C-alpha atoms as a PDB file:
ATOM      1  CA  MET A   1      52.373  18.109   3.736  1.00  0.00           C
ATOM      2  CA  ASN A   2      55.708  20.006   4.997  1.00  0.00           C
ATOM      3  CA  LEU A   3      56.548  19.082   8.594  1.00  0.00           C
ATOM      4  CA  LYS A   4      59.950  20.001   8.509  1.00  0.00           C
ATOM      5  CA  ASP A   5      61.196  20.511  12.033  1.00  0.00           C
ATOM      6  CA  LYS A   6      57.816  18.969  13.921  1.00  0.00           C
ATOM      7  CA  VAL A   7      57.581  16.201  16.201  1.00  0.00           C
ATOM      8  CA  ALA A   8      54.928  13.414  16.194  1.00  0.00           C
ATOM      9  CA  VAL A   9      54.360  10.670  18.229  1.00  0.00           C
ATOM     10  CA  VAL A  10      52.934   7.512  16.997  1.00  0.00           C
ATOM     11  CA  THR A  11      51.486   4.826  19.796  1.00  0.00           C
ATOM     12  CA  GLY A  12      51.048   1.075  18.316  1.00  0.00           C
ATOM     13  CA  ALA A  13      53.368   1.903  15.668  1.00  0.00           C
ATOM     14  CA  SER A  14      55.441  -0.996  15.491  1.00  0.00           C
ATOM     15  CA  GLY A  15      53.129  -2.699  12.813  1.00  0.00           C
ATOM     16  CA  GLY A  16      49.815  -2.293  10.852  1.00  0.00           C
ATOM     17  CA  ILE A  17      48.080   1.318  10.474  1.00  0.00           C
ATOM     18  CA  GLY A  18      50.873   2.677  13.119  1.00  0.00           C
ATOM     19  CA  ALA A  19      53.534   2.122  11.011  1.00  0.00           C
ATOM     20  CA  ALA A  20      52.405   3.219   7.947  1.00  0.00           C
ATOM     21  CA  THR A  21      51.329   6.229   9.680  1.00  0.00           C
ATOM     22  CA  ALA A  22      55.114   6.977  11.276  1.00  0.00           C
ATOM     23  CA  HIS A  23      56.007   6.460   7.549  1.00  0.00           C
ATOM     24  CA  ARG A  24      54.060   9.109   6.118  1.00  0.00           C
ATOM     25  CA  LEU A  25      54.549  11.476   9.092  1.00  0.00           C
ATOM     26  CA  ALA A  26      58.239  11.030   8.334  1.00  0.00           C
ATOM     27  CA  ALA A  27      58.077  11.293   4.711  1.00  0.00           C
ATOM     28  CA  ALA A  28      56.257  14.538   5.354  1.00  0.00           C
ATOM     29  CA  GLY A  29      59.697  15.818   6.993  1.00  0.00           C
ATOM     30  CA  ALA A  30      58.612  15.342  10.995  1.00  0.00           C
ATOM     31  CA  ARG A  31      60.893  13.209  13.444  1.00  0.00           C
ATOM     32  CA  VAL A  32      58.873  10.313  14.492  1.00  0.00           C
ATOM     33  CA  ILE A  33      58.895   8.524  17.679  1.00  0.00           C
ATOM     34  CA  VAL A  34      57.861   5.127  17.358  1.00  0.00           C
ATOM     35  CA  GLY A  35      56.067   4.116  19.804  1.00  0.00           C
ATOM     36  CA  TYR A  36      55.424   0.560  21.040  1.00  0.00           C
ATOM     37  CA  ASN A  37      54.463  -1.647  23.791  1.00  0.00           C
ATOM     38  CA  GLY A  38      56.116  -5.358  23.608  1.00  0.00           C
ATOM     39  CA  ARG A  39      57.265  -5.252  20.010  1.00  0.00           C
ATOM     40  CA  ALA A  40      60.567  -3.840  20.425  1.00  0.00           C
ATOM     41  CA  ALA A  41      62.600  -5.074  17.728  1.00  0.00           C
ATOM     42  CA  GLU A  42      59.690  -4.715  15.286  1.00  0.00           C
ATOM     43  CA  ALA A  43      59.635  -1.120  16.250  1.00  0.00           C
ATOM     44  CA  ALA A  44      63.214  -0.468  16.222  1.00  0.00           C
ATOM     45  CA  LYS A  45      63.838  -1.490  12.815  1.00  0.00           C
ATOM     46  CA  ILE A  46      60.800   0.887  11.685  1.00  0.00           C
ATOM     47  CA  ALA A  47      62.396   3.751  13.095  1.00  0.00           C
ATOM     48  CA  ALA A  48      65.317   3.072  11.270  1.00  0.00           C
ATOM     49  CA  ALA A  49      63.611   2.410   8.123  1.00  0.00           C
ATOM     50  CA  LEU A  50      61.936   5.690   8.238  1.00  0.00           C
ATOM     51  CA  PRO A  51      62.650   8.363   5.670  1.00  0.00           C
ATOM     52  CA  GLY A  52      64.617  11.516   6.987  1.00  0.00           C
ATOM     53  CA  SER A  53      66.790  11.215  10.408  1.00  0.00           C
ATOM     54  CA  GLY A  54      66.351  11.995  14.254  1.00  0.00           C
ATOM     55  CA  HIS A  55      63.614   9.129  14.456  1.00  0.00           C
ATOM     56  CA  ARG A  56      63.486   6.946  17.759  1.00  0.00           C
ATOM     57  CA  ALA A  57      61.594   3.978  19.281  1.00  0.00           C
ATOM     58  CA  ILE A  58      60.069   4.573  22.640  1.00  0.00           C
ATOM     59  CA  ARG A  59      57.770   1.984  24.548  1.00  0.00           C
ATOM     60  CA  ILE A  60      54.830   3.348  25.350  1.00  0.00           C
ATOM     61  CA  PRO A  61      52.564   1.108  27.005  1.00  0.00           C
ATOM     62  CA  MET A  62      48.801   2.347  26.979  1.00  0.00           C
ATOM     63  CA  LEU A  63      48.389   0.360  30.690  1.00  0.00           C
ATOM     64  CA  GLU A  64      50.997   2.150  32.203  1.00  0.00           C
ATOM     65  CA  THR A  65      50.446   5.716  33.300  1.00  0.00           C
ATOM     66  CA  ASN A  66      53.487   6.660  35.125  1.00  0.00           C
ATOM     67  CA  VAL A  67      55.519   5.242  31.580  1.00  0.00           C
ATOM     68  CA  ILE A  68      53.723   7.365  29.431  1.00  0.00           C
ATOM     69  CA  ARG A  69      54.615  10.753  31.695  1.00  0.00           C
ATOM     70  CA  GLU A  70      58.143   9.744  31.839  1.00  0.00           C
ATOM     71  CA  VAL A  71      58.062   9.360  27.668  1.00  0.00           C
ATOM     72  CA  ALA A  72      56.287  12.656  27.375  1.00  0.00           C
ATOM     73  CA  ALA A  73      59.215  14.164  29.719  1.00  0.00           C
ATOM     74  CA  THR A  74      61.685  12.076  27.766  1.00  0.00           C
ATOM     75  CA  VAL A  75      60.390  13.476  24.161  1.00  0.00           C
ATOM     76  CA  GLU A  76      60.383  16.999  26.006  1.00  0.00           C
ATOM     77  CA  ARG A  77      63.889  17.153  26.984  1.00  0.00           C
ATOM     78  CA  ASP A  78      65.434  15.410  23.889  1.00  0.00           C
ATOM     79  CA  PHE A  79      63.044  16.780  21.421  1.00  0.00           C
ATOM     80  CA  GLY A  80      62.078  19.969  22.990  1.00  0.00           C
ATOM     81  CA  ARG A  81      58.260  20.002  21.111  1.00  0.00           C
ATOM     82  CA  CYS A  82      55.421  17.977  20.323  1.00  0.00           C
ATOM     83  CA  ASP A  83      53.414  18.968  17.014  1.00  0.00           C
ATOM     84  CA  VAL A  84      51.720  15.605  16.758  1.00  0.00           C
ATOM     85  CA  LEU A  85      50.062  12.733  18.648  1.00  0.00           C
ATOM     86  CA  VAL A  86      48.457  10.005  16.910  1.00  0.00           C
ATOM     87  CA  ASN A  87      46.795   7.418  18.895  1.00  0.00           C
ATOM     88  CA  SER A  88      46.977   4.090  16.848  1.00  0.00           C
ATOM     89  CA  ALA A  89      47.257   1.434  20.165  1.00  0.00           C
ATOM     90  CA  GLY A  90      44.499  -0.865  20.810  1.00  0.00           C
ATOM     91  CA  PHE A  91      43.547  -3.816  22.012  1.00  0.00           C
ATOM     92  CA  THR A  92      40.194  -6.217  21.184  1.00  0.00           C
ATOM     93  CA  ARG A  93      39.601  -9.969  20.666  1.00  0.00           C
ATOM     94  CA  MET A  94      37.032 -11.982  18.281  1.00  0.00           C
ATOM     95  CA  VAL A  95      33.686 -12.536  20.204  1.00  0.00           C
ATOM     96  CA  PRO A  96      30.475 -13.142  18.312  1.00  0.00           C
ATOM     97  CA  HIS A  97      27.980 -10.795  18.931  1.00  0.00           C
ATOM     98  CA  HIS A  98      25.402 -13.235  20.563  1.00  0.00           C
ATOM     99  CA  ASP A  99      27.441 -14.855  22.502  1.00  0.00           C
ATOM    100  CA  LEU A 100      27.353 -12.789  25.769  1.00  0.00           C
ATOM    101  CA  GLU A 101      29.029 -15.009  27.868  1.00  0.00           C
ATOM    102  CA  ALA A 102      31.937 -14.826  26.190  1.00  0.00           C
ATOM    103  CA  LEU A 103      32.488 -11.549  26.761  1.00  0.00           C
ATOM    104  CA  ASP A 104      33.491 -11.664  30.362  1.00  0.00           C
ATOM    105  CA  ASP A 105      34.419  -8.704  32.509  1.00  0.00           C
ATOM    106  CA  ASP A 106      38.004  -9.320  32.539  1.00  0.00           C
ATOM    107  CA  LEU A 107      37.849  -9.185  28.571  1.00  0.00           C
ATOM    108  CA  ILE A 108      35.561  -6.007  28.748  1.00  0.00           C
ATOM    109  CA  ASP A 109      37.904  -4.211  30.997  1.00  0.00           C
ATOM    110  CA  ALA A 110      41.112  -4.858  28.975  1.00  0.00           C
ATOM    111  CA  VAL A 111      39.376  -3.419  25.972  1.00  0.00           C
ATOM    112  CA  PHE A 112      38.548  -0.106  27.264  1.00  0.00           C
ATOM    113  CA  ALA A 113      41.226   0.251  29.558  1.00  0.00           C
ATOM    114  CA  ALA A 114      43.446   0.036  26.279  1.00  0.00           C
ATOM    115  CA  ASN A 115      41.284   1.773  23.855  1.00  0.00           C
ATOM    116  CA  VAL A 116      39.651   4.466  26.198  1.00  0.00           C
ATOM    117  CA  ARG A 117      41.749   5.019  29.106  1.00  0.00           C
ATOM    118  CA  GLY A 118      45.413   4.454  27.202  1.00  0.00           C
ATOM    119  CA  PRO A 119      44.839   6.914  24.777  1.00  0.00           C
ATOM    120  CA  PHE A 120      43.418   9.769  27.221  1.00  0.00           C
ATOM    121  CA  ALA A 121      46.453   9.243  29.488  1.00  0.00           C
ATOM    122  CA  THR A 122      48.728   9.584  26.663  1.00  0.00           C
ATOM    123  CA  ILE A 123      46.801  13.071  25.475  1.00  0.00           C
ATOM    124  CA  ARG A 124      46.736  14.183  28.783  1.00  0.00           C
ATOM    125  CA  ALA A 125      50.409  13.306  29.662  1.00  0.00           C
ATOM    126  CA  PHE A 126      51.465  15.044  26.261  1.00  0.00           C
ATOM    127  CA  VAL A 127      49.294  18.128  26.048  1.00  0.00           C
ATOM    128  CA  PRO A 128      51.106  20.445  28.371  1.00  0.00           C
ATOM    129  CA  LEU A 129      54.613  20.116  25.699  1.00  0.00           C
ATOM    130  CA  MET A 130      51.565  20.438  22.357  1.00  0.00           C
ATOM    131  CA  LYS A 131      49.796  23.101  23.501  1.00  0.00           C
ATOM    132  CA  LYS A 132      53.587  24.764  23.441  1.00  0.00           C
ATOM    133  CA  SER A 133      53.617  24.323  19.679  1.00  0.00           C
ATOM    134  CA  GLY A 134      50.406  26.649  19.242  1.00  0.00           C
ATOM    135  CA  ASP A 135      49.474  24.511  16.203  1.00  0.00           C
ATOM    136  CA  ALA A 136      49.524  21.017  17.205  1.00  0.00           C
ATOM    137  CA  ALA A 137      46.983  18.227  16.504  1.00  0.00           C
ATOM    138  CA  ILE A 138      46.107  14.848  17.876  1.00  0.00           C
ATOM    139  CA  VAL A 139      44.529  12.069  15.772  1.00  0.00           C
ATOM    140  CA  ASN A 140      42.963   8.935  17.309  1.00  0.00           C
ATOM    141  CA  ILE A 141      42.443   5.786  15.373  1.00  0.00           C
ATOM    142  CA  SER A 142      38.673   4.397  16.053  1.00  0.00           C
ATOM    143  CA  SER A 143      36.865   2.432  13.735  1.00  0.00           C
ATOM    144  CA  VAL A 144      33.292   2.867  11.809  1.00  0.00           C
ATOM    145  CA  ALA A 145      31.780  -0.265  14.430  1.00  0.00           C
ATOM    146  CA  ALA A 146      31.599   2.982  16.981  1.00  0.00           C
ATOM    147  CA  VAL A 147      28.896   3.360  14.803  1.00  0.00           C
ATOM    148  CA  THR A 148      27.562   0.660  12.903  1.00  0.00           C
ATOM    149  CA  GLY A 149      27.661  -1.411  16.199  1.00  0.00           C
ATOM    150  CA  SER A 150      29.579  -4.330  14.121  1.00  0.00           C
ATOM    151  CA  GLY A 151      33.035  -5.426  14.804  1.00  0.00           C
ATOM    152  CA  SER A 152      35.381  -7.976  16.133  1.00  0.00           C
ATOM    153  CA  SER A 153      33.280  -7.472  19.841  1.00  0.00           C
ATOM    154  CA  ILE A 154      30.108  -5.450  21.160  1.00  0.00           C
ATOM    155  CA  ALA A 155      33.037  -4.397  23.703  1.00  0.00           C
ATOM    156  CA  TYR A 156      34.850  -2.952  20.901  1.00  0.00           C
ATOM    157  CA  GLY A 157      32.348  -0.958  19.075  1.00  0.00           C
ATOM    158  CA  GLY A 158      31.486   0.898  22.322  1.00  0.00           C
ATOM    159  CA  SER A 159      35.117   1.398  23.046  1.00  0.00           C
ATOM    160  CA  LYS A 160      35.582   3.392  19.930  1.00  0.00           C
ATOM    161  CA  ALA A 161      32.420   4.971  20.262  1.00  0.00           C
ATOM    162  CA  ALA A 162      33.293   6.255  23.771  1.00  0.00           C
ATOM    163  CA  LEU A 163      37.170   7.335  21.847  1.00  0.00           C
ATOM    164  CA  ASP A 164      34.574   9.331  19.666  1.00  0.00           C
ATOM    165  CA  THR A 165      33.107  11.125  22.230  1.00  0.00           C
ATOM    166  CA  MET A 166      36.114  11.908  24.155  1.00  0.00           C
ATOM    167  CA  ALA A 167      37.397  13.466  20.976  1.00  0.00           C
ATOM    168  CA  LEU A 168      34.307  15.712  20.784  1.00  0.00           C
ATOM    169  CA  SER A 169      35.076  16.731  24.489  1.00  0.00           C
ATOM    170  CA  LEU A 170      39.005  17.037  24.123  1.00  0.00           C
ATOM    171  CA  ALA A 171      38.368  19.223  20.967  1.00  0.00           C
ATOM    172  CA  ARG A 172      36.158  21.904  23.044  1.00  0.00           C
ATOM    173  CA  VAL A 173      38.792  22.191  25.607  1.00  0.00           C
ATOM    174  CA  LEU A 174      41.980  22.201  23.850  1.00  0.00           C
ATOM    175  CA  GLY A 175      41.272  24.646  21.192  1.00  0.00           C
ATOM    176  CA  PRO A 176      43.259  26.566  19.933  1.00  0.00           C
ATOM    177  CA  GLU A 177      46.316  25.430  20.153  1.00  0.00           C
ATOM    178  CA  ILE A 178      45.545  21.851  19.773  1.00  0.00           C
ATOM    179  CA  ARG A 179      43.170  20.346  16.889  1.00  0.00           C
ATOM    180  CA  VAL A 180      41.262  16.981  17.742  1.00  0.00           C
ATOM    181  CA  PHE A 181      40.319  14.779  15.327  1.00  0.00           C
ATOM    182  CA  THR A 182      39.221  10.927  14.853  1.00  0.00           C
ATOM    183  CA  VAL A 183      39.868   8.838  11.416  1.00  0.00           C
ATOM    184  CA  SER A 184      37.707   5.836  11.342  1.00  0.00           C
ATOM    185  CA  PRO A 185      38.572   2.835   9.114  1.00  0.00           C
ATOM    186  CA  ALA A 186      36.669  -0.082   7.921  1.00  0.00           C
ATOM    187  CA  ALA A 187      38.232  -2.914   8.641  1.00  0.00           C
ATOM    188  CA  VAL A 188      42.185  -3.195   7.597  1.00  0.00           C
ATOM    189  CA  ASP A 189      43.994  -6.300   6.286  1.00  0.00           C
ATOM    190  CA  THR A 190      46.332  -6.208   9.556  1.00  0.00           C
ATOM    191  CA  GLY A 191      47.036  -8.386  12.108  1.00  0.00           C
ATOM    192  CA  PHE A 192      45.239  -6.432  14.578  1.00  0.00           C
ATOM    193  CA  VAL A 193      42.316  -8.524  15.324  1.00  0.00           C
ATOM    194  CA  PRO A 194      43.755 -12.285  15.904  1.00  0.00           C
ATOM    195  CA  GLY A 195      41.721 -14.715  14.230  1.00  0.00           C
ATOM    196  CA  ARG A 196      40.378 -12.311  11.523  1.00  0.00           C
ATOM    197  CA  THR A 197      41.091 -13.751   8.368  1.00  0.00           C
ATOM    198  CA  THR A 198      41.711 -12.009   4.795  1.00  0.00           C
ATOM    199  CA  ALA A 199      38.784 -13.459   3.319  1.00  0.00           C
ATOM    200  CA  MET A 200      36.697 -12.406   6.099  1.00  0.00           C
ATOM    201  CA  VAL A 201      38.005  -8.644   5.848  1.00  0.00           C
ATOM    202  CA  GLU A 202      37.165  -9.126   2.110  1.00  0.00           C
ATOM    203  CA  ARG A 203      33.732 -10.202   2.675  1.00  0.00           C
ATOM    204  CA  GLY A 204      33.076  -6.992   4.545  1.00  0.00           C
ATOM    205  CA  ALA A 205      35.149  -4.757   1.872  1.00  0.00           C
ATOM    206  CA  ALA A 206      32.745  -6.381  -0.639  1.00  0.00           C
ATOM    207  CA  THR A 207      29.669  -4.831   0.736  1.00  0.00           C
ATOM    208  CA  THR A 208      30.725  -0.990   0.621  1.00  0.00           C
ATOM    209  CA  PRO A 209      30.136   0.605  -2.482  1.00  0.00           C
ATOM    210  CA  LEU A 210      33.848   0.833  -3.261  1.00  0.00           C
ATOM    211  CA  LYS A 211      33.864  -2.854  -2.827  1.00  0.00           C
ATOM    212  CA  ARG A 212      37.914  -2.852  -1.521  1.00  0.00           C
ATOM    213  CA  VAL A 213      39.439  -3.583   1.160  1.00  0.00           C
ATOM    214  CA  VAL A 214      40.844  -0.072   3.226  1.00  0.00           C
ATOM    215  CA  GLN A 215      44.639  -0.616   3.367  1.00  0.00           C
ATOM    216  CA  ALA A 216      46.685   0.589   6.146  1.00  0.00           C
ATOM    217  CA  ASP A 217      48.400   3.692   4.126  1.00  0.00           C
ATOM    218  CA  GLU A 218      45.254   5.135   3.560  1.00  0.00           C
ATOM    219  CA  VAL A 219      44.239   5.772   7.137  1.00  0.00           C
ATOM    220  CA  ALA A 220      47.497   7.102   7.251  1.00  0.00           C
ATOM    221  CA  GLN A 221      46.916   9.442   4.194  1.00  0.00           C
ATOM    222  CA  ALA A 222      43.456  10.779   6.578  1.00  0.00           C
ATOM    223  CA  VAL A 223      46.187  11.385   9.735  1.00  0.00           C
ATOM    224  CA  ILE A 224      48.390  13.296   7.243  1.00  0.00           C
ATOM    225  CA  ALA A 225      45.424  15.376   5.644  1.00  0.00           C
ATOM    226  CA  ALA A 226      43.921  16.334   9.084  1.00  0.00           C
ATOM    227  CA  VAL A 227      47.152  17.386  10.420  1.00  0.00           C
ATOM    228  CA  THR A 228      48.090  19.224   7.333  1.00  0.00           C
ATOM    229  CA  HIS A 229      45.160  20.325   5.588  1.00  0.00           C
ATOM    230  CA  LEU A 230      42.541  20.435   7.695  1.00  0.00           C
ATOM    231  CA  THR A 231      43.833  23.450   9.691  1.00  0.00           C
ATOM    232  CA  SER A 232      40.482  24.721  10.265  1.00  0.00           C
ATOM    233  CA  SER A 233      38.740  21.496  11.742  1.00  0.00           C
ATOM    234  CA  THR A 234      38.621  20.101  15.053  1.00  0.00           C
ATOM    235  CA  GLY A 235      36.625  17.532  16.959  1.00  0.00           C
ATOM    236  CA  ILE A 236      35.129  15.674  13.531  1.00  0.00           C
ATOM    237  CA  VAL A 237      35.134  11.962  12.659  1.00  0.00           C
ATOM    238  CA  ILE A 238      37.214  11.333   8.890  1.00  0.00           C
ATOM    239  CA  PRO A 239      35.471   7.850   7.577  1.00  0.00           C
ATOM    240  CA  VAL A 240      38.156   5.573   5.638  1.00  0.00           C
ATOM    241  CA  ASP A 241      35.600   3.040   5.003  1.00  0.00           C
ATOM    242  CA  GLY A 242      35.146   2.380   1.243  1.00  0.00           C
ATOM    243  CA  GLY A 243      31.919   4.239   1.855  1.00  0.00           C
ATOM    244  CA  LYS A 244      30.514   1.416   4.318  1.00  0.00           C
ATOM    245  CA  LEU A 245      28.702   3.779   5.942  1.00  0.00           C
ATOM    246  CA  VAL A 246      26.110   4.352   3.253  1.00  0.00           C
ATOM    247  CA  GLY A 247      26.273   1.235   1.629  1.00  0.00           C
END
C-alpha cells in the first residue's frame, strides 16, 4: 500500500470517515490535503497529526464551485499533482420516512446539492490534474441507503443512489487514466447525522450477519484497498456494511 510521492485530496476530512481516510492515506506515504468546510481548527489539528510530512488543511466547500476550482489550481501549483480524490463530504438531516411534509423542498435541495452536485463539481475541477497522473483514483463515499432505501431520510438515500449512478458514468469516460470507485458503508457511529445516537446505530448493526457497528477506519481501509490494490477495477461499489445487503 505504498503511496510515496503521491498526493491525495480528501473532502470532508475534518472528522469521521474523512479523517480516518486521511490518516490511512498519509500512513501509506501520500501527502494529504485535508479538506473541510466550516471546521478549520479541527482540520488543522488532523493535518498536523498525520504521519509523514507535507500535509495541509484547505477549505473545500461543496456548494462553492468557484472555490473548488481555486483549490484545484492551488493543489496543482503547490503540489504539482493529484493522484487520489476522496469525496467524503456530505450532508443530511434525520426525517422520518413517513413524514412527507417534513421533507420540504429546501431540505431536499440542500441534500442533493451537497451529496451530488458537490462531489461532481469537485471531480470536474480535479480531473484535468488527475489525468496527468496516468494512474489516479476517485473514491466517492456513498451509503447502503442508496440500495436499501433506508437511512436518515428519503432524500438522503436518493442522493446516494444518484452518486452511485454518477460514478458509473464517470468510470466510463475517465478511464484509462482515472479509476472511479464507490465505497458504501452502513451506519457508522460518528457525528455525521445530527440526532442519531449510538444506540440507534447499534440496533441497526445487530440485524446484520456480522452484528457489529462499522467503524470509520474500516471504511478508510476499503478506500485504501480500492486505490492501491484494485488496479483492474473501476465503476464498482464496495459495501462496508457488516453484510447488511445480504442480511
